[in-house]
Amino acid sequence: MRDWQSRQLHALMRSLSGHVRVYGRVQAASAATVEGQVFALARQADADWGHLGPKGSRSLQSPDEVAAALHPVDPDTAVDLLAMLSSQDLAYRVRHRDPDHARRAAAQVAELLGYGTKWWTNTEYSDGSRGWDPVTRCTFDGVVSGVGAEYVISLLQVAED
C-alpha cells in the first residue's frame, strides 16, 4: 500500500505543480518537516525567480522563519488552496490550467494523506481575497503544506506583476 500511495502522491503533486512557477514536493514524514520542506522549495523558487522580485526583498533565512510565516488551515480550505495555487496565477488571477482537474487532484492528495492530516499555509483565503506572509523574495507567493501519518507535501506558487 505504501509504495502505491507514494507513487500516487508523487504523480498528483507533479500534476499540480505542472506550471513553470509552481513547485511541489512529497517526502516521507519521517524525513521531513513542513518548515524544512517549504524552506527548500522557497530557496529553489528564489534561485529561479527571486531576481525579479521587489528591490530590497529578502529570502527567509531558516526553516524557523518559515514556521513563523505559516498558520493552520482546515482540510477543505487546504484543498481549495492546492487547486487555486495549481490553476490560477497569483498576480493576475488568470488560469494557467484546468481548475476542475486541479480540484480533483487536490482532493485526491488530501484523501491519500488521510484523516487527521494537519494543513498549513502562508495565505488567507476567504471570499476570494488573499493576503500572505511571504516565504520567497517574489512579489507574490502562496504555499500550502500537509502532514499526514506517512508523508509531507507542499505546493508553492510564485508570481510577479
N, C-alpha and C. Protein backbone atom coordinates (compact mmCIF):
# COMPACT_ATOMS: atom_id res chain seq x y z
N MET A 1 0.83 -1.21 0.00
CA MET A 1 0.00 0.00 0.00
C MET A 1 0.86 1.26 0.00
N ARG A 2 1.92 1.25 0.80
CA ARG A 2 2.74 2.46 0.93
C ARG A 2 3.40 2.83 -0.40
N ASP A 3 3.92 1.83 -1.15
CA ASP A 3 4.53 2.13 -2.45
C ASP A 3 3.51 2.71 -3.41
N TRP A 4 2.31 2.17 -3.41
CA TRP A 4 1.25 2.68 -4.28
C TRP A 4 0.89 4.11 -3.88
N GLN A 5 0.75 4.34 -2.58
CA GLN A 5 0.41 5.66 -2.07
C GLN A 5 1.50 6.67 -2.44
N SER A 6 2.74 6.29 -2.29
CA SER A 6 3.84 7.17 -2.65
C SER A 6 3.82 7.50 -4.14
N ARG A 7 3.64 6.50 -4.97
CA ARG A 7 3.59 6.75 -6.43
C ARG A 7 2.42 7.67 -6.79
N GLN A 8 1.28 7.45 -6.18
CA GLN A 8 0.11 8.29 -6.45
C GLN A 8 0.35 9.73 -6.01
N LEU A 9 0.86 9.91 -4.80
CA LEU A 9 1.12 11.27 -4.30
C LEU A 9 2.13 11.99 -5.19
N HIS A 10 3.20 11.30 -5.58
CA HIS A 10 4.20 11.92 -6.45
C HIS A 10 3.58 12.32 -7.79
N ALA A 11 2.77 11.45 -8.37
CA ALA A 11 2.14 11.75 -9.66
C ALA A 11 1.17 12.93 -9.53
N LEU A 12 0.39 12.95 -8.48
CA LEU A 12 -0.57 14.04 -8.28
C LEU A 12 0.14 15.36 -8.03
N MET A 13 1.20 15.35 -7.25
CA MET A 13 1.93 16.59 -6.98
C MET A 13 2.66 17.07 -8.23
N ARG A 14 3.16 16.15 -9.07
CA ARG A 14 3.73 16.57 -10.37
C ARG A 14 2.67 17.23 -11.22
N SER A 15 1.47 16.69 -11.18
CA SER A 15 0.37 17.26 -11.94
C SER A 15 0.01 18.65 -11.41
N LEU A 16 -0.10 18.79 -10.10
CA LEU A 16 -0.46 20.08 -9.52
C LEU A 16 0.62 21.13 -9.74
N SER A 17 1.86 20.70 -9.81
CA SER A 17 2.96 21.65 -10.00
C SER A 17 3.40 21.72 -11.46
N GLY A 18 2.47 21.53 -12.37
CA GLY A 18 2.79 21.48 -13.79
C GLY A 18 3.13 22.81 -14.43
N HIS A 19 2.90 23.93 -13.76
CA HIS A 19 3.21 25.25 -14.32
C HIS A 19 4.62 25.64 -13.91
N VAL A 20 5.27 26.46 -14.73
CA VAL A 20 6.67 26.81 -14.52
C VAL A 20 6.93 27.50 -13.18
N ARG A 21 5.97 28.19 -12.62
CA ARG A 21 6.18 28.90 -11.35
C ARG A 21 5.47 28.23 -10.17
N VAL A 22 5.14 26.97 -10.33
CA VAL A 22 4.52 26.20 -9.26
C VAL A 22 5.43 25.02 -8.92
N TYR A 23 5.78 24.92 -7.66
CA TYR A 23 6.73 23.92 -7.19
C TYR A 23 6.02 22.97 -6.22
N GLY A 24 6.27 21.68 -6.36
CA GLY A 24 5.67 20.72 -5.46
C GLY A 24 6.69 19.73 -4.95
N ARG A 25 6.40 19.16 -3.79
CA ARG A 25 7.31 18.19 -3.20
C ARG A 25 6.53 17.23 -2.32
N VAL A 26 6.97 15.97 -2.33
CA VAL A 26 6.45 14.92 -1.45
C VAL A 26 7.66 14.28 -0.78
N GLN A 27 7.59 14.12 0.54
CA GLN A 27 8.64 13.44 1.27
C GLN A 27 8.02 12.58 2.37
N ALA A 28 8.75 11.57 2.78
CA ALA A 28 8.31 10.75 3.91
C ALA A 28 8.25 11.63 5.15
N ALA A 29 7.21 11.46 5.95
CA ALA A 29 7.05 12.26 7.16
C ALA A 29 8.20 12.03 8.14
N SER A 30 8.81 10.86 8.08
CA SER A 30 9.92 10.58 8.98
C SER A 30 11.18 11.34 8.59
N ALA A 31 11.22 11.88 7.36
CA ALA A 31 12.43 12.55 6.87
C ALA A 31 12.23 14.04 6.60
N ALA A 32 11.06 14.59 6.91
CA ALA A 32 10.79 15.98 6.54
C ALA A 32 9.90 16.66 7.56
N THR A 33 10.03 17.98 7.61
CA THR A 33 9.11 18.82 8.36
C THR A 33 8.49 19.80 7.37
N VAL A 34 7.35 20.35 7.71
CA VAL A 34 6.72 21.34 6.84
C VAL A 34 7.65 22.51 6.61
N GLU A 35 8.19 23.07 7.69
CA GLU A 35 9.02 24.26 7.54
C GLU A 35 10.31 23.97 6.75
N GLY A 36 10.87 22.79 6.93
CA GLY A 36 12.06 22.42 6.16
C GLY A 36 11.75 22.23 4.68
N GLN A 37 10.62 21.60 4.40
CA GLN A 37 10.22 21.38 3.02
C GLN A 37 9.89 22.70 2.32
N VAL A 38 9.14 23.57 2.99
CA VAL A 38 8.80 24.86 2.40
C VAL A 38 10.06 25.71 2.22
N PHE A 39 10.97 25.66 3.18
CA PHE A 39 12.22 26.40 3.06
C PHE A 39 12.98 25.96 1.82
N ALA A 40 13.06 24.66 1.58
CA ALA A 40 13.76 24.14 0.39
C ALA A 40 13.07 24.58 -0.90
N LEU A 41 11.74 24.52 -0.94
CA LEU A 41 11.01 24.97 -2.13
C LEU A 41 11.20 26.47 -2.35
N ALA A 42 11.16 27.25 -1.27
CA ALA A 42 11.33 28.70 -1.37
C ALA A 42 12.73 29.03 -1.89
N ARG A 43 13.74 28.31 -1.43
CA ARG A 43 15.11 28.54 -1.91
C ARG A 43 15.19 28.25 -3.41
N GLN A 44 14.53 27.18 -3.84
CA GLN A 44 14.52 26.84 -5.26
C GLN A 44 13.82 27.93 -6.07
N ALA A 45 12.65 28.36 -5.60
CA ALA A 45 11.91 29.42 -6.30
C ALA A 45 12.69 30.72 -6.33
N ASP A 46 13.34 31.07 -5.22
CA ASP A 46 14.15 32.28 -5.19
C ASP A 46 15.31 32.21 -6.17
N ALA A 47 15.92 31.05 -6.28
CA ALA A 47 17.02 30.89 -7.24
C ALA A 47 16.52 31.09 -8.67
N ASP A 48 15.30 30.62 -8.94
CA ASP A 48 14.74 30.73 -10.29
C ASP A 48 14.15 32.10 -10.59
N TRP A 49 13.47 32.71 -9.62
CA TRP A 49 12.66 33.90 -9.89
C TRP A 49 12.91 35.08 -8.96
N GLY A 50 13.65 34.91 -7.89
CA GLY A 50 13.82 35.95 -6.89
C GLY A 50 14.41 37.24 -7.42
N HIS A 51 15.23 37.15 -8.46
CA HIS A 51 15.83 38.36 -9.04
C HIS A 51 14.79 39.29 -9.65
N LEU A 52 13.59 38.78 -9.90
CA LEU A 52 12.51 39.60 -10.45
C LEU A 52 11.65 40.25 -9.36
N GLY A 53 11.89 39.88 -8.12
CA GLY A 53 11.10 40.40 -7.01
C GLY A 53 11.42 41.86 -6.72
N PRO A 54 10.69 42.44 -5.79
CA PRO A 54 10.91 43.84 -5.43
C PRO A 54 12.34 44.09 -4.95
N LYS A 55 12.87 45.23 -5.32
CA LYS A 55 14.21 45.60 -4.88
C LYS A 55 14.23 45.65 -3.35
N GLY A 56 15.23 45.04 -2.77
CA GLY A 56 15.36 45.03 -1.32
C GLY A 56 14.65 43.88 -0.64
N SER A 57 13.88 43.08 -1.40
CA SER A 57 13.22 41.93 -0.75
C SER A 57 14.29 40.92 -0.35
N ARG A 58 13.97 40.14 0.66
CA ARG A 58 14.95 39.17 1.12
C ARG A 58 14.30 37.80 1.30
N SER A 59 15.12 36.81 1.16
CA SER A 59 14.68 35.44 1.38
C SER A 59 14.60 35.17 2.88
N LEU A 60 13.72 34.28 3.26
CA LEU A 60 13.74 33.82 4.64
C LEU A 60 15.02 33.03 4.85
N GLN A 61 15.59 33.15 6.02
CA GLN A 61 16.92 32.62 6.27
C GLN A 61 16.97 31.25 6.94
N SER A 62 15.80 30.75 7.36
CA SER A 62 15.82 29.47 8.07
C SER A 62 14.43 28.84 8.07
N PRO A 63 14.37 27.54 8.31
CA PRO A 63 13.06 26.91 8.49
C PRO A 63 12.26 27.52 9.64
N ASP A 64 12.94 28.02 10.67
CA ASP A 64 12.22 28.67 11.78
C ASP A 64 11.49 29.92 11.31
N GLU A 65 12.10 30.69 10.41
CA GLU A 65 11.42 31.87 9.85
C GLU A 65 10.22 31.44 9.01
N VAL A 66 10.35 30.34 8.30
CA VAL A 66 9.21 29.81 7.53
C VAL A 66 8.09 29.42 8.49
N ALA A 67 8.42 28.74 9.56
CA ALA A 67 7.40 28.31 10.53
C ALA A 67 6.61 29.51 11.05
N ALA A 68 7.29 30.64 11.25
CA ALA A 68 6.61 31.84 11.75
C ALA A 68 5.65 32.42 10.72
N ALA A 69 5.86 32.13 9.44
CA ALA A 69 5.00 32.66 8.37
C ALA A 69 3.78 31.78 8.11
N LEU A 70 3.75 30.59 8.66
CA LEU A 70 2.68 29.63 8.37
C LEU A 70 1.65 29.60 9.49
N HIS A 71 0.41 29.32 9.11
CA HIS A 71 -0.64 29.12 10.10
C HIS A 71 -1.53 27.95 9.65
N PRO A 72 -2.19 27.31 10.60
CA PRO A 72 -3.00 26.14 10.25
C PRO A 72 -4.28 26.52 9.50
N VAL A 73 -4.72 25.61 8.64
CA VAL A 73 -6.00 25.75 7.94
C VAL A 73 -6.72 24.41 7.98
N ASP A 74 -8.02 24.45 7.78
CA ASP A 74 -8.81 23.23 7.79
C ASP A 74 -8.64 22.49 6.45
N PRO A 75 -8.98 21.21 6.40
CA PRO A 75 -8.77 20.42 5.19
C PRO A 75 -9.49 20.96 3.95
N ASP A 76 -10.71 21.47 4.09
CA ASP A 76 -11.43 22.00 2.93
C ASP A 76 -10.72 23.22 2.35
N THR A 77 -10.25 24.09 3.22
CA THR A 77 -9.50 25.26 2.76
C THR A 77 -8.21 24.83 2.09
N ALA A 78 -7.54 23.82 2.65
CA ALA A 78 -6.29 23.32 2.06
C ALA A 78 -6.52 22.80 0.65
N VAL A 79 -7.60 22.06 0.43
CA VAL A 79 -7.91 21.57 -0.92
C VAL A 79 -8.18 22.74 -1.86
N ASP A 80 -8.94 23.74 -1.39
CA ASP A 80 -9.18 24.94 -2.21
C ASP A 80 -7.87 25.62 -2.58
N LEU A 81 -6.97 25.75 -1.61
CA LEU A 81 -5.69 26.40 -1.87
C LEU A 81 -4.82 25.59 -2.83
N LEU A 82 -4.75 24.29 -2.64
CA LEU A 82 -3.99 23.45 -3.58
C LEU A 82 -4.49 23.65 -5.00
N ALA A 83 -5.81 23.62 -5.18
CA ALA A 83 -6.39 23.78 -6.51
C ALA A 83 -6.12 25.17 -7.07
N MET A 84 -6.29 26.20 -6.25
CA MET A 84 -6.08 27.57 -6.72
C MET A 84 -4.62 27.81 -7.06
N LEU A 85 -3.69 27.40 -6.20
CA LEU A 85 -2.28 27.63 -6.47
C LEU A 85 -1.82 26.87 -7.71
N SER A 86 -2.43 25.75 -7.98
CA SER A 86 -2.08 24.98 -9.16
C SER A 86 -2.64 25.57 -10.45
N SER A 87 -3.79 26.22 -10.36
CA SER A 87 -4.51 26.58 -11.60
C SER A 87 -4.63 28.07 -11.89
N GLN A 88 -4.37 28.93 -10.93
CA GLN A 88 -4.63 30.37 -11.13
C GLN A 88 -3.42 31.20 -10.72
N ASP A 89 -3.00 32.11 -11.60
CA ASP A 89 -1.87 32.97 -11.32
C ASP A 89 -2.18 33.91 -10.15
N LEU A 90 -1.27 34.00 -9.19
CA LEU A 90 -1.49 34.85 -8.03
C LEU A 90 -1.49 36.34 -8.36
N ALA A 91 -0.70 36.72 -9.36
CA ALA A 91 -0.58 38.15 -9.68
C ALA A 91 -1.78 38.64 -10.49
N TYR A 92 -2.14 37.90 -11.52
CA TYR A 92 -3.17 38.39 -12.44
C TYR A 92 -4.48 37.61 -12.37
N ARG A 93 -4.49 36.55 -11.58
CA ARG A 93 -5.68 35.71 -11.40
C ARG A 93 -6.18 35.08 -12.69
N VAL A 94 -5.31 34.95 -13.67
CA VAL A 94 -5.66 34.24 -14.89
C VAL A 94 -5.39 32.75 -14.68
N ARG A 95 -6.15 31.94 -15.40
CA ARG A 95 -5.95 30.49 -15.30
C ARG A 95 -4.75 30.07 -16.13
N HIS A 96 -3.96 29.16 -15.57
CA HIS A 96 -2.90 28.58 -16.36
C HIS A 96 -3.04 27.07 -16.45
N ARG A 97 -4.18 26.57 -16.00
CA ARG A 97 -4.53 25.16 -16.19
C ARG A 97 -5.99 24.96 -15.82
N ASP A 98 -6.51 23.82 -16.11
CA ASP A 98 -7.91 23.50 -15.86
C ASP A 98 -8.18 23.43 -14.35
N PRO A 99 -9.04 24.32 -13.82
CA PRO A 99 -9.30 24.31 -12.38
C PRO A 99 -10.03 23.05 -11.90
N ASP A 100 -10.85 22.44 -12.76
CA ASP A 100 -11.54 21.21 -12.36
C ASP A 100 -10.54 20.07 -12.16
N HIS A 101 -9.59 19.98 -13.08
CA HIS A 101 -8.54 18.96 -12.93
C HIS A 101 -7.76 19.22 -11.63
N ALA A 102 -7.39 20.47 -11.40
CA ALA A 102 -6.63 20.81 -10.19
C ALA A 102 -7.41 20.47 -8.94
N ARG A 103 -8.72 20.73 -8.93
CA ARG A 103 -9.55 20.42 -7.75
C ARG A 103 -9.61 18.91 -7.51
N ARG A 104 -9.77 18.14 -8.58
CA ARG A 104 -9.81 16.68 -8.42
C ARG A 104 -8.47 16.16 -7.88
N ALA A 105 -7.37 16.66 -8.44
CA ALA A 105 -6.05 16.22 -7.98
C ALA A 105 -5.83 16.62 -6.52
N ALA A 106 -6.22 17.84 -6.17
CA ALA A 106 -6.06 18.32 -4.79
C ALA A 106 -6.86 17.45 -3.82
N ALA A 107 -8.09 17.13 -4.19
CA ALA A 107 -8.93 16.28 -3.33
C ALA A 107 -8.31 14.89 -3.16
N GLN A 108 -7.72 14.37 -4.22
CA GLN A 108 -7.07 13.05 -4.13
C GLN A 108 -5.84 13.11 -3.24
N VAL A 109 -5.08 14.19 -3.31
CA VAL A 109 -3.92 14.34 -2.42
C VAL A 109 -4.39 14.32 -0.97
N ALA A 110 -5.42 15.09 -0.66
CA ALA A 110 -5.93 15.13 0.71
C ALA A 110 -6.42 13.76 1.16
N GLU A 111 -7.09 13.05 0.27
CA GLU A 111 -7.59 11.72 0.60
C GLU A 111 -6.43 10.75 0.88
N LEU A 112 -5.40 10.81 0.05
CA LEU A 112 -4.25 9.92 0.23
C LEU A 112 -3.47 10.24 1.50
N LEU A 113 -3.38 11.51 1.86
CA LEU A 113 -2.69 11.86 3.11
C LEU A 113 -3.47 11.36 4.31
N GLY A 114 -4.79 11.32 4.19
CA GLY A 114 -5.61 10.68 5.20
C GLY A 114 -6.22 11.59 6.24
N TYR A 115 -7.14 11.01 6.97
CA TYR A 115 -7.83 11.70 8.05
C TYR A 115 -6.80 12.12 9.09
N GLY A 116 -6.98 13.28 9.65
CA GLY A 116 -6.07 13.77 10.67
C GLY A 116 -4.87 14.52 10.13
N THR A 117 -4.80 14.67 8.81
CA THR A 117 -3.71 15.45 8.22
C THR A 117 -3.77 16.88 8.75
N LYS A 118 -2.64 17.42 9.11
CA LYS A 118 -2.53 18.81 9.55
C LYS A 118 -2.10 19.64 8.35
N TRP A 119 -2.79 20.76 8.12
CA TRP A 119 -2.54 21.61 6.96
C TRP A 119 -2.06 22.99 7.40
N TRP A 120 -1.15 23.56 6.59
CA TRP A 120 -0.54 24.86 6.88
C TRP A 120 -0.47 25.69 5.61
N THR A 121 -0.55 27.00 5.77
CA THR A 121 -0.39 27.91 4.64
C THR A 121 0.18 29.25 5.12
N ASN A 122 0.62 30.03 4.16
CA ASN A 122 1.05 31.41 4.46
C ASN A 122 0.03 32.41 3.95
N THR A 123 -1.10 31.94 3.46
CA THR A 123 -2.10 32.82 2.86
C THR A 123 -3.37 32.89 3.69
N GLU A 124 -4.16 33.90 3.40
CA GLU A 124 -5.54 33.99 3.87
C GLU A 124 -6.38 33.82 2.62
N TYR A 125 -7.37 32.99 2.69
CA TYR A 125 -8.17 32.72 1.51
C TYR A 125 -9.63 32.62 1.92
N SER A 126 -10.31 33.74 1.84
CA SER A 126 -11.74 33.73 2.15
C SER A 126 -12.43 34.72 1.23
N ASP A 127 -13.52 34.31 0.68
CA ASP A 127 -14.30 35.15 -0.23
C ASP A 127 -13.45 35.70 -1.37
N GLY A 128 -12.46 34.93 -1.80
CA GLY A 128 -11.64 35.34 -2.92
C GLY A 128 -10.54 36.33 -2.60
N SER A 129 -10.47 36.81 -1.35
CA SER A 129 -9.40 37.75 -1.01
C SER A 129 -8.18 36.98 -0.54
N ARG A 130 -7.01 37.54 -0.82
CA ARG A 130 -5.79 36.86 -0.45
C ARG A 130 -4.82 37.83 0.20
N GLY A 131 -4.23 37.42 1.26
CA GLY A 131 -3.12 38.13 1.88
C GLY A 131 -2.13 37.08 2.29
N TRP A 132 -0.88 37.46 2.55
CA TRP A 132 0.09 36.43 2.86
C TRP A 132 1.27 36.98 3.63
N ASP A 133 1.96 36.04 4.23
CA ASP A 133 3.26 36.27 4.83
C ASP A 133 4.25 35.62 3.88
N PRO A 134 5.04 36.41 3.17
CA PRO A 134 5.87 35.84 2.11
C PRO A 134 6.91 34.85 2.63
N VAL A 135 7.17 33.84 1.81
CA VAL A 135 8.23 32.88 2.10
C VAL A 135 9.35 32.97 1.07
N THR A 136 9.16 33.81 0.03
CA THR A 136 10.18 34.00 -1.01
C THR A 136 10.44 35.49 -1.20
N ARG A 137 11.38 35.81 -2.09
CA ARG A 137 11.67 37.20 -2.45
C ARG A 137 10.70 37.70 -3.51
N CYS A 138 9.88 36.84 -4.07
CA CYS A 138 8.96 37.22 -5.14
C CYS A 138 7.86 38.13 -4.60
N THR A 139 7.26 38.91 -5.50
CA THR A 139 6.18 39.82 -5.10
C THR A 139 5.00 39.05 -4.53
N PHE A 140 4.66 37.96 -5.16
CA PHE A 140 3.54 37.12 -4.70
C PHE A 140 4.03 35.70 -4.51
N ASP A 141 3.62 35.09 -3.42
CA ASP A 141 3.82 33.65 -3.26
C ASP A 141 2.72 33.10 -2.37
N GLY A 142 2.43 31.86 -2.58
CA GLY A 142 1.46 31.17 -1.75
C GLY A 142 1.88 29.73 -1.63
N VAL A 143 1.77 29.19 -0.44
CA VAL A 143 2.16 27.81 -0.20
C VAL A 143 1.11 27.14 0.67
N VAL A 144 0.90 25.86 0.42
CA VAL A 144 0.07 25.04 1.30
C VAL A 144 0.81 23.73 1.49
N SER A 145 0.80 23.25 2.75
CA SER A 145 1.51 22.01 3.10
C SER A 145 0.60 21.15 3.95
N GLY A 146 0.75 19.85 3.77
CA GLY A 146 0.00 18.89 4.58
C GLY A 146 0.93 17.86 5.18
N VAL A 147 0.67 17.52 6.44
CA VAL A 147 1.45 16.49 7.13
C VAL A 147 0.49 15.38 7.52
N GLY A 148 0.63 14.26 6.85
CA GLY A 148 -0.14 13.08 7.20
C GLY A 148 0.70 12.12 8.01
N ALA A 149 0.18 10.93 8.26
CA ALA A 149 0.90 9.94 9.05
C ALA A 149 2.17 9.47 8.34
N GLU A 150 2.13 9.42 7.00
CA GLU A 150 3.25 8.86 6.24
C GLU A 150 4.03 9.88 5.43
N TYR A 151 3.38 10.97 5.00
CA TYR A 151 4.01 11.89 4.05
C TYR A 151 3.78 13.35 4.41
N VAL A 152 4.70 14.19 3.93
CA VAL A 152 4.58 15.64 3.96
C VAL A 152 4.55 16.11 2.52
N ILE A 153 3.57 16.96 2.18
CA ILE A 153 3.51 17.53 0.83
C ILE A 153 3.48 19.05 0.93
N SER A 154 4.02 19.70 -0.08
CA SER A 154 3.93 21.16 -0.16
C SER A 154 3.78 21.56 -1.61
N LEU A 155 3.00 22.62 -1.83
CA LEU A 155 2.83 23.22 -3.15
C LEU A 155 3.03 24.72 -2.99
N LEU A 156 3.95 25.28 -3.77
CA LEU A 156 4.30 26.70 -3.71
C LEU A 156 4.16 27.31 -5.08
N GLN A 157 3.48 28.46 -5.16
CA GLN A 157 3.44 29.23 -6.40
C GLN A 157 4.08 30.59 -6.14
N VAL A 158 4.88 31.05 -7.10
CA VAL A 158 5.42 32.40 -7.07
C VAL A 158 4.95 33.15 -8.30
N ALA A 159 4.81 34.47 -8.19
CA ALA A 159 4.34 35.27 -9.32
C ALA A 159 4.87 36.69 -9.20
N GLU A 160 4.93 37.36 -10.33
CA GLU A 160 5.35 38.74 -10.41
C GLU A 160 4.33 39.52 -11.24
N ASP A 161 4.20 40.81 -10.96
CA ASP A 161 3.33 41.64 -11.78
C ASP A 161 4.13 42.69 -12.51
